[in-house]
Amino acid sequence: MKVWKITNTARESVKIACKTASMHSKGIILQPGEFCLSEAQLTASMDAQERRGFISVDREFDNSQLKLEFVENYTKKQLDKLILEQTAVENSVEESASKEYESKSDFEIAAEDVEKYINNK
């Protein structure tokens, strides 16, 4: 699903209508520097505010890992915190997997490889 990240670049609050995941429109007021996510469909208010230079629209935003809610106010600080948390979780999973692999003897690793080979045939 394509997701757009709409950021208020103006010095004052901006009111726009965004598309939700269920393709309904919902209004939101973004304070300076705040952003929200919208379904990848341009609304009249988004088009007008973008042409005026009050908002920027990131049409390539990847929400697949963060899974932020549509048409909710977020700040850059919140986004950075979520990205750091996501990275920490991924790193801990990789570390635990590598520790598990390191703790096995060469014989155990070879036995697992043989078992995987036999089961995949």
PDB file of N, CA and C in Angstrom:
ATOM      1  N   MET A   1       0.854  -1.174   0.000  1.00  0.00           N
ATOM      2  CA  MET A   1       0.000   0.000   0.000  1.00  0.00           C
ATOM      3  C   MET A   1       0.898   1.235   0.000  1.00  0.00           C
ATOM      4  N   LYS A   2       0.634   2.153  -0.899  1.00  0.00           N
ATOM      5  CA  LYS A   2       1.387   3.403  -0.966  1.00  0.00           C
ATOM      6  C   LYS A   2       0.904   4.339   0.126  1.00  0.00           C
ATOM      7  N   VAL A   3       1.881   4.945   0.807  1.00  0.00           N
ATOM      8  CA  VAL A   3       1.591   5.860   1.912  1.00  0.00           C
ATOM      9  C   VAL A   3       2.322   7.165   1.656  1.00  0.00           C
ATOM     10  N   TRP A   4       1.653   8.270   1.905  1.00  0.00           N
ATOM     11  CA  TRP A   4       2.279   9.582   1.793  1.00  0.00           C
ATOM     12  C   TRP A   4       2.475  10.164   3.180  1.00  0.00           C
ATOM     13  N   LYS A   5       3.605  10.826   3.358  1.00  0.00           N
ATOM     14  CA  LYS A   5       3.900  11.536   4.596  1.00  0.00           C
ATOM     15  C   LYS A   5       3.729  13.030   4.304  1.00  0.00           C
ATOM     16  N   ILE A   6       2.762  13.656   4.965  1.00  0.00           N
ATOM     17  CA  ILE A   6       2.464  15.072   4.757  1.00  0.00           C
ATOM     18  C   ILE A   6       3.017  15.858   5.939  1.00  0.00           C
ATOM     19  N   THR A   7       3.916  16.801   5.666  1.00  0.00           N
ATOM     20  CA  THR A   7       4.569  17.587   6.709  1.00  0.00           C
ATOM     21  C   THR A   7       4.193  19.051   6.579  1.00  0.00           C
ATOM     22  N   ASN A   8       3.860  19.674   7.701  1.00  0.00           N
ATOM     23  CA  ASN A   8       3.569  21.105   7.729  1.00  0.00           C
ATOM     24  C   ASN A   8       4.898  21.859   7.669  1.00  0.00           C
ATOM     25  N   THR A   9       5.126  22.610   6.602  1.00  0.00           N
ATOM     26  CA  THR A   9       6.350  23.391   6.453  1.00  0.00           C
ATOM     27  C   THR A   9       6.099  24.872   6.713  1.00  0.00           C
ATOM     28  N   ALA A  10       4.858  25.230   7.048  1.00  0.00           N
ATOM     29  CA  ALA A  10       4.509  26.629   7.299  1.00  0.00           C
ATOM     30  C   ALA A  10       4.837  27.011   8.737  1.00  0.00           C
ATOM     31  N   ARG A  11       4.745  28.311   9.028  1.00  0.00           N
ATOM     32  CA  ARG A  11       5.009  28.803  10.390  1.00  0.00           C
ATOM     33  C   ARG A  11       3.768  28.757  11.267  1.00  0.00           C
ATOM     34  N   GLU A  12       2.622  28.511  10.665  1.00  0.00           N
ATOM     35  CA  GLU A  12       1.387  28.412  11.434  1.00  0.00           C
ATOM     36  C   GLU A  12       0.722  27.069  11.154  1.00  0.00           C
ATOM     37  N   SER A  13      -0.323  26.772  11.896  1.00  0.00           N
ATOM     38  CA  SER A  13      -1.003  25.487  11.726  1.00  0.00           C
ATOM     39  C   SER A  13      -1.681  25.431  10.356  1.00  0.00           C
ATOM     40  N   VAL A  14      -1.801  24.199   9.855  1.00  0.00           N
ATOM     41  CA  VAL A  14      -2.393  23.958   8.540  1.00  0.00           C
ATOM     42  C   VAL A  14      -3.471  22.897   8.693  1.00  0.00           C
ATOM     43  N   LYS A  15      -4.624  23.158   8.092  1.00  0.00           N
ATOM     44  CA  LYS A  15      -5.725  22.198   8.127  1.00  0.00           C
ATOM     45  C   LYS A  15      -5.851  21.559   6.748  1.00  0.00           C
ATOM     46  N   ILE A  16      -5.861  20.213   6.734  1.00  0.00           N
ATOM     47  CA  ILE A  16      -5.998  19.482   5.471  1.00  0.00           C
ATOM     48  C   ILE A  16      -6.902  18.274   5.676  1.00  0.00           C
ATOM     49  N   ALA A  17      -7.386  17.757   4.571  1.00  0.00           N
ATOM     50  CA  ALA A  17      -8.137  16.503   4.585  1.00  0.00           C
ATOM     51  C   ALA A  17      -7.241  15.428   3.992  1.00  0.00           C
ATOM     52  N   CYS A  18      -7.145  14.299   4.682  1.00  0.00           N
ATOM     53  CA  CYS A  18      -6.314  13.185   4.239  1.00  0.00           C
ATOM     54  C   CYS A  18      -7.179  11.953   4.043  1.00  0.00           C
ATOM     55  N   LYS A  19      -6.657  11.025   3.266  1.00  0.00           N
ATOM     56  CA  LYS A  19      -7.350   9.755   3.059  1.00  0.00           C
ATOM     57  C   LYS A  19      -6.873   8.743   4.086  1.00  0.00           C
ATOM     58  N   THR A  20      -7.808   8.028   4.699  1.00  0.00           N
ATOM     59  CA  THR A  20      -7.473   6.980   5.654  1.00  0.00           C
ATOM     60  C   THR A  20      -7.264   5.668   4.902  1.00  0.00           C
ATOM     61  N   ALA A  21      -6.846   4.641   5.622  1.00  0.00           N
ATOM     62  CA  ALA A  21      -6.623   3.328   5.007  1.00  0.00           C
ATOM     63  C   ALA A  21      -7.910   2.776   4.389  1.00  0.00           C
ATOM     64  N   SER A  22      -9.057   3.165   4.939  1.00  0.00           N
ATOM     65  CA  SER A  22     -10.332   2.692   4.390  1.00  0.00           C
ATOM     66  C   SER A  22     -10.852   3.613   3.285  1.00  0.00           C
ATOM     67  N   MET A  23      -9.980   4.534   2.826  1.00  0.00           N
ATOM     68  CA  MET A  23     -10.266   5.454   1.719  1.00  0.00           C
ATOM     69  C   MET A  23     -11.347   6.483   2.041  1.00  0.00           C
ATOM     70  N   HIS A  24     -11.570   6.758   3.311  1.00  0.00           N
ATOM     71  CA  HIS A  24     -12.441   7.853   3.717  1.00  0.00           C
ATOM     72  C   HIS A  24     -11.581   9.074   3.962  1.00  0.00           C
ATOM     73  N   SER A  25     -12.163  10.259   3.839  1.00  0.00           N
ATOM     74  CA  SER A  25     -11.425  11.487   4.141  1.00  0.00           C
ATOM     75  C   SER A  25     -11.616  11.855   5.603  1.00  0.00           C
ATOM     76  N   LYS A  26     -10.538  12.388   6.186  1.00  0.00           N
ATOM     77  CA  LYS A  26     -10.584  12.815   7.571  1.00  0.00           C
ATOM     78  C   LYS A  26      -9.747  14.081   7.682  1.00  0.00           C
ATOM     79  N   GLY A  27     -10.284  15.097   8.354  1.00  0.00           N
ATOM     80  CA  GLY A  27      -9.567  16.351   8.525  1.00  0.00           C
ATOM     81  C   GLY A  27      -8.573  16.277   9.671  1.00  0.00           C
ATOM     82  N   ILE A  28      -7.489  17.045   9.531  1.00  0.00           N
ATOM     83  CA  ILE A  28      -6.470  17.099  10.566  1.00  0.00           C
ATOM     84  C   ILE A  28      -5.833  18.478  10.553  1.00  0.00           C
ATOM     85  N   ILE A  29      -5.445  18.945  11.738  1.00  0.00           N
ATOM     86  CA  ILE A  29      -4.719  20.205  11.858  1.00  0.00           C
ATOM     87  C   ILE A  29      -3.294  19.868  12.263  1.00  0.00           C
ATOM     88  N   LEU A  30      -2.350  20.247  11.396  1.00  0.00           N
ATOM     89  CA  LEU A  30      -0.939  19.999  11.664  1.00  0.00           C
ATOM     90  C   LEU A  30      -0.289  21.280  12.165  1.00  0.00           C
ATOM     91  N   GLN A  31       0.370  21.176  13.314  1.00  0.00           N
ATOM     92  CA  GLN A  31       1.135  22.295  13.839  1.00  0.00           C
ATOM     93  C   GLN A  31       2.466  22.380  13.072  1.00  0.00           C
ATOM     94  N   PRO A  32       3.167  23.501  13.138  1.00  0.00           N
ATOM     95  CA  PRO A  32       4.445  23.622  12.421  1.00  0.00           C
ATOM     96  C   PRO A  32       5.404  22.484  12.766  1.00  0.00           C
ATOM     97  N   GLY A  33       5.922  21.827  11.739  1.00  0.00           N
ATOM     98  CA  GLY A  33       6.854  20.723  11.918  1.00  0.00           C
ATOM     99  C   GLY A  33       6.213  19.365  12.098  1.00  0.00           C
ATOM    100  N   GLU A  34       4.932  19.306  12.360  1.00  0.00           N
ATOM    101  CA  GLU A  34       4.253  18.021  12.531  1.00  0.00           C
ATOM    102  C   GLU A  34       3.972  17.396  11.167  1.00  0.00           C
ATOM    103  N   PHE A  35       3.749  16.085  11.193  1.00  0.00           N
ATOM    104  CA  PHE A  35       3.374  15.385   9.970  1.00  0.00           C
ATOM    105  C   PHE A  35       2.312  14.346  10.270  1.00  0.00           C
ATOM    106  N   CYS A  36       1.688  13.863   9.227  1.00  0.00           N
ATOM    107  CA  CYS A  36       0.731  12.761   9.332  1.00  0.00           C
ATOM    108  C   CYS A  36       0.901  11.871   8.112  1.00  0.00           C
ATOM    109  N   LEU A  37       0.277  10.710   8.164  1.00  0.00           N
ATOM    110  CA  LEU A  37       0.306   9.791   7.034  1.00  0.00           C
ATOM    111  C   LEU A  37      -1.063   9.745   6.385  1.00  0.00           C
ATOM    112  N   SER A  38      -1.051   9.579   5.081  1.00  0.00           N
ATOM    113  CA  SER A  38      -2.286   9.517   4.317  1.00  0.00           C
ATOM    114  C   SER A  38      -2.168   8.431   3.260  1.00  0.00           C
ATOM    115  N   GLU A  39      -3.300   7.889   2.892  1.00  0.00           N
ATOM    116  CA  GLU A  39      -3.342   7.006   1.736  1.00  0.00           C
ATOM    117  C   GLU A  39      -2.862   7.813   0.526  1.00  0.00           C
ATOM    118  N   ALA A  40      -2.248   7.157  -0.421  1.00  0.00           N
ATOM    119  CA  ALA A  40      -1.654   7.845  -1.574  1.00  0.00           C
ATOM    120  C   ALA A  40      -2.723   8.321  -2.553  1.00  0.00           C
ATOM    121  N   GLN A  41      -3.498   9.291  -2.117  1.00  0.00           N
ATOM    122  CA  GLN A  41      -4.500   9.901  -2.987  1.00  0.00           C
ATOM    123  C   GLN A  41      -4.623  11.373  -2.611  1.00  0.00           C
ATOM    124  N   LEU A  42      -4.486  12.224  -3.592  1.00  0.00           N
ATOM    125  CA  LEU A  42      -4.505  13.664  -3.375  1.00  0.00           C
ATOM    126  C   LEU A  42      -5.927  14.155  -3.118  1.00  0.00           C
ATOM    127  N   THR A  43      -6.088  14.939  -2.058  1.00  0.00           N
ATOM    128  CA  THR A  43      -7.368  15.591  -1.798  1.00  0.00           C
ATOM    129  C   THR A  43      -7.244  17.044  -2.252  1.00  0.00           C
ATOM    130  N   ALA A  44      -8.374  17.717  -2.392  1.00  0.00           N
ATOM    131  CA  ALA A  44      -8.364  19.107  -2.842  1.00  0.00           C
ATOM    132  C   ALA A  44      -7.578  20.002  -1.879  1.00  0.00           C
ATOM    133  N   SER A  45      -7.759  19.785  -0.569  1.00  0.00           N
ATOM    134  CA  SER A  45      -7.053  20.624   0.401  1.00  0.00           C
ATOM    135  C   SER A  45      -5.552  20.343   0.398  1.00  0.00           C
ATOM    136  N   MET A  46      -5.168  19.093   0.215  1.00  0.00           N
ATOM    137  CA  MET A  46      -3.744  18.762   0.120  1.00  0.00           C
ATOM    138  C   MET A  46      -3.123  19.444  -1.090  1.00  0.00           C
ATOM    139  N   ASP A  47      -3.814  19.364  -2.222  1.00  0.00           N
ATOM    140  CA  ASP A  47      -3.319  19.975  -3.457  1.00  0.00           C
ATOM    141  C   ASP A  47      -3.141  21.484  -3.279  1.00  0.00           C
ATOM    142  N   ALA A  48      -4.141  22.138  -2.699  1.00  0.00           N
ATOM    143  CA  ALA A  48      -4.084  23.589  -2.508  1.00  0.00           C
ATOM    144  C   ALA A  48      -2.958  23.981  -1.546  1.00  0.00           C
ATOM    145  N   GLN A  49      -2.831  23.273  -0.423  1.00  0.00           N
ATOM    146  CA  GLN A  49      -1.804  23.610   0.560  1.00  0.00           C
ATOM    147  C   GLN A  49      -0.397  23.311   0.027  1.00  0.00           C
ATOM    148  N   GLU A  50      -0.280  22.279  -0.795  1.00  0.00           N
ATOM    149  CA  GLU A  50       1.031  21.962  -1.379  1.00  0.00           C
ATOM    150  C   GLU A  50       1.426  23.028  -2.406  1.00  0.00           C
ATOM    151  N   ARG A  51       0.484  23.458  -3.241  1.00  0.00           N
ATOM    152  CA  ARG A  51       0.785  24.511  -4.225  1.00  0.00           C
ATOM    153  C   ARG A  51       1.159  25.826  -3.553  1.00  0.00           C
ATOM    154  N   ARG A  52       0.582  26.093  -2.386  1.00  0.00           N
ATOM    155  CA  ARG A  52       0.912  27.316  -1.637  1.00  0.00           C
ATOM    156  C   ARG A  52       2.241  27.198  -0.894  1.00  0.00           C
ATOM    157  N   GLY A  53       2.774  25.984  -0.803  1.00  0.00           N
ATOM    158  CA  GLY A  53       4.042  25.774  -0.115  1.00  0.00           C
ATOM    159  C   GLY A  53       3.901  25.612   1.386  1.00  0.00           C
ATOM    160  N   PHE A  54       2.674  25.335   1.867  1.00  0.00           N
ATOM    161  CA  PHE A  54       2.440  25.179   3.298  1.00  0.00           C
ATOM    162  C   PHE A  54       2.733  23.762   3.792  1.00  0.00           C
ATOM    163  N   ILE A  55       2.679  22.790   2.888  1.00  0.00           N
ATOM    164  CA  ILE A  55       2.977  21.403   3.251  1.00  0.00           C
ATOM    165  C   ILE A  55       3.933  20.808   2.223  1.00  0.00           C
ATOM    166  N   SER A  56       4.645  19.774   2.649  1.00  0.00           N
ATOM    167  CA  SER A  56       5.427  18.975   1.708  1.00  0.00           C
ATOM    168  C   SER A  56       4.876  17.555   1.767  1.00  0.00           C
ATOM    169  N   VAL A  57       4.878  16.892   0.630  1.00  0.00           N
ATOM    170  CA  VAL A  57       4.341  15.540   0.546  1.00  0.00           C
ATOM    171  C   VAL A  57       5.454  14.591   0.108  1.00  0.00           C
ATOM    172  N   ASP A  58       5.797  13.665   0.999  1.00  0.00           N
ATOM    173  CA  ASP A  58       6.781  12.625   0.685  1.00  0.00           C
ATOM    174  C   ASP A  58       6.007  11.442   0.123  1.00  0.00           C
ATOM    175  N   ARG A  59       6.074  11.285  -1.186  1.00  0.00           N
ATOM    176  CA  ARG A  59       5.298  10.243  -1.865  1.00  0.00           C
ATOM    177  C   ARG A  59       5.996   8.879  -1.864  1.00  0.00           C
ATOM    178  N   GLU A  60       7.169   8.789  -1.247  1.00  0.00           N
ATOM    179  CA  GLU A  60       7.925   7.536  -1.198  1.00  0.00           C
ATOM    180  C   GLU A  60       8.143   7.053   0.235  1.00  0.00           C
ATOM    181  N   PHE A  61       7.320   7.482   1.184  1.00  0.00           N
ATOM    182  CA  PHE A  61       7.508   7.123   2.587  1.00  0.00           C
ATOM    183  C   PHE A  61       7.226   5.640   2.790  1.00  0.00           C
ATOM    184  N   ASP A  62       8.124   4.960   3.524  1.00  0.00           N
ATOM    185  CA  ASP A  62       7.973   3.529   3.792  1.00  0.00           C
ATOM    186  C   ASP A  62       7.454   3.337   5.219  1.00  0.00           C
ATOM    187  N   ASN A  63       6.221   2.904   5.331  1.00  0.00           N
ATOM    188  CA  ASN A  63       5.594   2.688   6.632  1.00  0.00           C
ATOM    189  C   ASN A  63       5.478   1.201   6.966  1.00  0.00           C
ATOM    190  N   SER A  64       6.125   0.353   6.177  1.00  0.00           N
ATOM    191  CA  SER A  64       5.949  -1.084   6.345  1.00  0.00           C
ATOM    192  C   SER A  64       6.470  -1.599   7.690  1.00  0.00           C
ATOM    193  N   GLN A  65       7.542  -1.008   8.216  1.00  0.00           N
ATOM    194  CA  GLN A  65       8.075  -1.481   9.489  1.00  0.00           C
ATOM    195  C   GLN A  65       7.539  -0.682  10.669  1.00  0.00           C
ATOM    196  N   LEU A  66       7.369   0.615  10.498  1.00  0.00           N
ATOM    197  CA  LEU A  66       6.926   1.457  11.611  1.00  0.00           C
ATOM    198  C   LEU A  66       5.445   1.281  11.918  1.00  0.00           C
ATOM    199  N   LYS A  67       4.647   1.075  10.885  1.00  0.00           N
ATOM    200  CA  LYS A  67       3.199   0.869  11.015  1.00  0.00           C
ATOM    201  C   LYS A  67       2.515   2.006  11.798  1.00  0.00           C
ATOM    202  N   LEU A  68       2.819   3.239  11.396  1.00  0.00           N
ATOM    203  CA  LEU A  68       2.177   4.402  12.003  1.00  0.00           C
ATOM    204  C   LEU A  68       0.728   4.477  11.548  1.00  0.00           C
ATOM    205  N   GLU A  69      -0.119   5.062  12.378  1.00  0.00           N
ATOM    206  CA  GLU A  69      -1.540   5.207  12.064  1.00  0.00           C
ATOM    207  C   GLU A  69      -1.749   6.328  11.036  1.00  0.00           C
ATOM    208  N   PHE A  70      -2.775   6.180  10.233  1.00  0.00           N
ATOM    209  CA  PHE A  70      -3.146   7.210   9.262  1.00  0.00           C
ATOM    210  C   PHE A  70      -3.823   8.384   9.964  1.00  0.00           C
ATOM    211  N   VAL A  71      -3.610   9.567   9.442  1.00  0.00           N
ATOM    212  CA  VAL A  71      -4.247  10.817   9.873  1.00  0.00           C
ATOM    213  C   VAL A  71      -4.142  11.021  11.387  1.00  0.00           C
ATOM    214  N   GLU A  72      -2.930  10.864  11.901  1.00  0.00           N
ATOM    215  CA  GLU A  72      -2.601  11.139  13.305  1.00  0.00           C
ATOM    216  C   GLU A  72      -1.411  12.091  13.314  1.00  0.00           C
ATOM    217  N   ASN A  73      -1.370  12.977  14.296  1.00  0.00           N
ATOM    218  CA  ASN A  73      -0.273  13.935  14.398  1.00  0.00           C
ATOM    219  C   ASN A  73       0.982  13.263  14.950  1.00  0.00           C
ATOM    220  N   TYR A  74       2.108  13.466  14.276  1.00  0.00           N
ATOM    221  CA  TYR A  74       3.403  12.974  14.717  1.00  0.00           C
ATOM    222  C   TYR A  74       4.430  14.098  14.568  1.00  0.00           C
ATOM    223  N   THR A  75       5.476  14.013  15.394  1.00  0.00           N
ATOM    224  CA  THR A  75       6.576  14.964  15.279  1.00  0.00           C
ATOM    225  C   THR A  75       7.815  14.220  14.788  1.00  0.00           C
ATOM    226  N   LYS A  76       8.798  14.970  14.330  1.00  0.00           N
ATOM    227  CA  LYS A  76      10.065  14.382  13.881  1.00  0.00           C
ATOM    228  C   LYS A  76      10.732  13.637  15.036  1.00  0.00           C
ATOM    229  N   LYS A  77      10.615  14.185  16.245  1.00  0.00           N
ATOM    230  CA  LYS A  77      11.207  13.565  17.432  1.00  0.00           C
ATOM    231  C   LYS A  77      10.572  12.187  17.683  1.00  0.00           C
ATOM    232  N   GLN A  78       9.242  12.088  17.545  1.00  0.00           N
ATOM    233  CA  GLN A  78       8.559  10.803  17.724  1.00  0.00           C
ATOM    234  C   GLN A  78       9.010   9.797  16.666  1.00  0.00           C
ATOM    235  N   LEU A  79       9.154  10.265  15.429  1.00  0.00           N
ATOM    236  CA  LEU A  79       9.572   9.378  14.346  1.00  0.00           C
ATOM    237  C   LEU A  79      10.985   8.859  14.592  1.00  0.00           C
ATOM    238  N   ASP A  80      11.893   9.746  14.991  1.00  0.00           N
ATOM    239  CA  ASP A  80      13.262   9.331  15.286  1.00  0.00           C
ATOM    240  C   ASP A  80      13.296   8.305  16.412  1.00  0.00           C
ATOM    241  N   LYS A  81      12.475   8.511  17.448  1.00  0.00           N
ATOM    242  CA  LYS A  81      12.420   7.577  18.574  1.00  0.00           C
ATOM    243  C   LYS A  81      11.917   6.202  18.119  1.00  0.00           C
ATOM    244  N   LEU A  82      10.883   6.180  17.286  1.00  0.00           N
ATOM    245  CA  LEU A  82      10.352   4.910  16.784  1.00  0.00           C
ATOM    246  C   LEU A  82      11.380   4.178  15.924  1.00  0.00           C
ATOM    247  N   ILE A  83      12.115   4.927  15.105  1.00  0.00           N
ATOM    248  CA  ILE A  83      13.139   4.314  14.258  1.00  0.00           C
ATOM    249  C   ILE A  83      14.250   3.719  15.124  1.00  0.00           C
ATOM    250  N   LEU A  84      14.660   4.443  16.163  1.00  0.00           N
ATOM    251  CA  LEU A  84      15.691   3.925  17.069  1.00  0.00           C
ATOM    252  C   LEU A  84      15.224   2.661  17.780  1.00  0.00           C
ATOM    253  N   GLU A  85      13.967   2.653  18.235  1.00  0.00           N
ATOM    254  CA  GLU A  85      13.420   1.469  18.900  1.00  0.00           C
ATOM    255  C   GLU A  85      13.378   0.283  17.946  1.00  0.00           C
ATOM    256  N   GLN A  86      12.948   0.536  16.713  1.00  0.00           N
ATOM    257  CA  GLN A  86      12.868  -0.523  15.703  1.00  0.00           C
ATOM    258  C   GLN A  86      14.252  -1.092  15.416  1.00  0.00           C
ATOM    259  N   THR A  87      15.242  -0.214  15.302  1.00  0.00           N
ATOM    260  CA  THR A  87      16.619  -0.648  15.050  1.00  0.00           C
ATOM    261  C   THR A  87      17.154  -1.460  16.217  1.00  0.00           C
ATOM    262  N   ALA A  88      16.849  -1.031  17.441  1.00  0.00           N
ATOM    263  CA  ALA A  88      17.305  -1.760  18.629  1.00  0.00           C
ATOM    264  C   ALA A  88      16.713  -3.161  18.667  1.00  0.00           C
ATOM    265  N   VAL A  89      15.445  -3.290  18.331  1.00  0.00           N
ATOM    266  CA  VAL A  89      14.789  -4.607  18.316  1.00  0.00           C
ATOM    267  C   VAL A  89      15.437  -5.500  17.263  1.00  0.00           C
ATOM    268  N   GLU A  90      15.672  -4.957  16.075  1.00  0.00           N
ATOM    269  CA  GLU A  90      16.292  -5.747  15.008  1.00  0.00           C
ATOM    270  C   GLU A  90      17.698  -6.189  15.402  1.00  0.00           C
ATOM    271  N   ASN A  91      18.455  -5.284  16.022  1.00  0.00           N
ATOM    272  CA  ASN A  91      19.814  -5.623  16.438  1.00  0.00           C
ATOM    273  C   ASN A  91      19.827  -6.700  17.514  1.00  0.00           C
ATOM    274  N   SER A  92      18.889  -6.639  18.461  1.00  0.00           N
ATOM    275  CA  SER A  92      18.852  -7.648  19.525  1.00  0.00           C
ATOM    276  C   SER A  92      18.478  -9.016  18.970  1.00  0.00           C
ATOM    277  N   VAL A  93      17.608  -9.043  17.976  1.00  0.00           N
ATOM    278  CA  VAL A  93      17.237 -10.318  17.344  1.00  0.00           C
ATOM    279  C   VAL A  93      18.446 -10.907  16.620  1.00  0.00           C
ATOM    280  N   GLU A  94      19.182 -10.050  15.893  1.00  0.00           N
ATOM    281  CA  GLU A  94      20.371 -10.522  15.176  1.00  0.00           C
ATOM    282  C   GLU A  94      21.440 -11.010  16.153  1.00  0.00           C
ATOM    283  N   GLU A  95      21.634 -10.293  17.258  1.00  0.00           N
ATOM    284  CA  GLU A  95      22.631 -10.687  18.247  1.00  0.00           C
ATOM    285  C   GLU A  95      22.286 -12.021  18.894  1.00  0.00           C
ATOM    286  N   SER A  96      21.007 -12.211  19.241  1.00  0.00           N
ATOM    287  CA  SER A  96      20.618 -13.473  19.876  1.00  0.00           C
ATOM    288  C   SER A  96      20.758 -14.633  18.893  1.00  0.00           C
ATOM    289  N   ALA A  97      20.484 -14.382  17.622  1.00  0.00           N
ATOM    290  CA  ALA A  97      20.642 -15.438  16.619  1.00  0.00           C
ATOM    291  C   ALA A  97      22.115 -15.789  16.441  1.00  0.00           C
ATOM    292  N   SER A  98      22.980 -14.780  16.423  1.00  0.00           N
ATOM    293  CA  SER A  98      24.407 -15.060  16.254  1.00  0.00           C
ATOM    294  C   SER A  98      24.983 -15.738  17.494  1.00  0.00           C
ATOM    295  N   LYS A  99      24.508 -15.375  18.695  1.00  0.00           N
ATOM    296  CA  LYS A  99      24.982 -16.026  19.920  1.00  0.00           C
ATOM    297  C   LYS A  99      24.568 -17.494  19.934  1.00  0.00           C
ATOM    298  N   GLU A 100      23.347 -17.768  19.480  1.00  0.00           N
ATOM    299  CA  GLU A 100      22.871 -19.148  19.437  1.00  0.00           C
ATOM    300  C   GLU A 100      23.731 -19.964  18.485  1.00  0.00           C
ATOM    301  N   TYR A 101      24.058 -19.357  17.348  1.00  0.00           N
ATOM    302  CA  TYR A 101      24.884 -20.053  16.354  1.00  0.00           C
ATOM    303  C   TYR A 101      26.292 -20.290  16.898  1.00  0.00           C
ATOM    304  N   GLU A 102      26.868 -19.298  17.604  1.00  0.00           N
ATOM    305  CA  GLU A 102      28.221 -19.414  18.136  1.00  0.00           C
ATOM    306  C   GLU A 102      28.317 -20.457  19.246  1.00  0.00           C
ATOM    307  N   SER A 103      27.256 -20.653  20.015  1.00  0.00           N
ATOM    308  CA  SER A 103      27.315 -21.559  21.156  1.00  0.00           C
ATOM    309  C   SER A 103      27.249 -23.032  20.742  1.00  0.00           C
ATOM    310  N   LYS A 104      26.900 -23.314  19.500  1.00  0.00           N
ATOM    311  CA  LYS A 104      26.809 -24.697  19.046  1.00  0.00           C
ATOM    312  C   LYS A 104      28.186 -25.174  18.588  1.00  0.00           C
ATOM    313  N   SER A 105      28.429 -26.452  18.801  1.00  0.00           N
ATOM    314  CA  SER A 105      29.695 -27.035  18.344  1.00  0.00           C
ATOM    315  C   SER A 105      29.634 -27.239  16.826  1.00  0.00           C
ATOM    316  N   ASP A 106      30.784 -27.478  16.243  1.00  0.00           N
ATOM    317  CA  ASP A 106      30.842 -27.712  14.796  1.00  0.00           C
ATOM    318  C   ASP A 106      30.028 -28.945  14.410  1.00  0.00           C
ATOM    319  N   PHE A 107      30.047 -29.947  15.278  1.00  0.00           N
ATOM    320  CA  PHE A 107      29.290 -31.166  15.004  1.00  0.00           C
ATOM    321  C   PHE A 107      27.786 -30.882  14.972  1.00  0.00           C
ATOM    322  N   GLU A 108      27.291 -30.088  15.947  1.00  0.00           N
ATOM    323  CA  GLU A 108      25.858 -29.746  15.993  1.00  0.00           C
ATOM    324  C   GLU A 108      25.443 -28.948  14.763  1.00  0.00           C
ATOM    325  N   ILE A 109      26.281 -28.031  14.363  1.00  0.00           N
ATOM    326  CA  ILE A 109      25.984 -27.212  13.171  1.00  0.00           C
ATOM    327  C   ILE A 109      25.942 -28.098  11.932  1.00  0.00           C
ATOM    328  N   ALA A 110      26.901 -29.006  11.797  1.00  0.00           N
ATOM    329  CA  ALA A 110      26.932 -29.910  10.654  1.00  0.00           C
ATOM    330  C   ALA A 110      25.705 -30.822  10.645  1.00  0.00           C
ATOM    331  N   ALA A 111      25.311 -31.314  11.815  1.00  0.00           N
ATOM    332  CA  ALA A 111      24.135 -32.176  11.914  1.00  0.00           C
ATOM    333  C   ALA A 111      22.873 -31.425  11.487  1.00  0.00           C
ATOM    334  N   GLU A 112      22.759 -30.155  11.897  1.00  0.00           N
ATOM    335  CA  GLU A 112      21.595 -29.357  11.489  1.00  0.00           C
ATOM    336  C   GLU A 112      21.589 -29.121   9.987  1.00  0.00           C
ATOM    337  N   ASP A 113      22.765 -28.857   9.423  1.00  0.00           N
ATOM    338  CA  ASP A 113      22.861 -28.646   7.976  1.00  0.00           C
ATOM    339  C   ASP A 113      22.433 -29.885   7.211  1.00  0.00           C
ATOM    340  N   VAL A 114      22.861 -31.055   7.689  1.00  0.00           N
ATOM    341  CA  VAL A 114      22.487 -32.311   7.032  1.00  0.00           C
ATOM    342  C   VAL A 114      20.981 -32.515   7.134  1.00  0.00           C
ATOM    343  N   GLU A 115      20.420 -32.260   8.311  1.00  0.00           N
ATOM    344  CA  GLU A 115      18.982 -32.432   8.502  1.00  0.00           C
ATOM    345  C   GLU A 115      18.188 -31.494   7.570  1.00  0.00           C
ATOM    346  N   LYS A 116      18.636 -30.241   7.462  1.00  0.00           N
ATOM    347  CA  LYS A 116      17.976 -29.283   6.564  1.00  0.00           C
ATOM    348  C   LYS A 116      18.061 -29.779   5.117  1.00  0.00           C
ATOM    349  N   TYR A 117      19.230 -30.306   4.731  1.00  0.00           N
ATOM    350  CA  TYR A 117      19.420 -30.800   3.371  1.00  0.00           C
ATOM    351  C   TYR A 117      18.504 -31.962   3.076  1.00  0.00           C
ATOM    352  N   ILE A 118      18.392 -32.882   4.012  1.00  0.00           N
ATOM    353  CA  ILE A 118      17.541 -34.058   3.824  1.00  0.00           C
ATOM    354  C   ILE A 118      16.076 -33.637   3.749  1.00  0.00           C
ATOM    355  N   ASN A 119      15.650 -32.738   4.593  1.00  0.00           N
ATOM    356  CA  ASN A 119      14.240 -32.322   4.626  1.00  0.00           C
ATOM    357  C   ASN A 119      13.837 -31.484   3.412  1.00  0.00           C
ATOM    358  N   ASN A 120      14.781 -30.810   2.779  1.00  0.00           N
ATOM    359  CA  ASN A 120      14.464 -29.966   1.610  1.00  0.00           C
ATOM    360  C   ASN A 120      14.378 -30.754   0.329  1.00  0.00           C
ATOM    361  N   LYS A 121      14.835 -32.017   0.305  1.00  0.00           N
ATOM    362  CA  LYS A 121      14.781 -32.814  -0.918  1.00  0.00           C
ATOM    363  C   LYS A 121      13.410 -33.315  -1.195  1.00  0.00           C
TER     364      LYS A 121
END
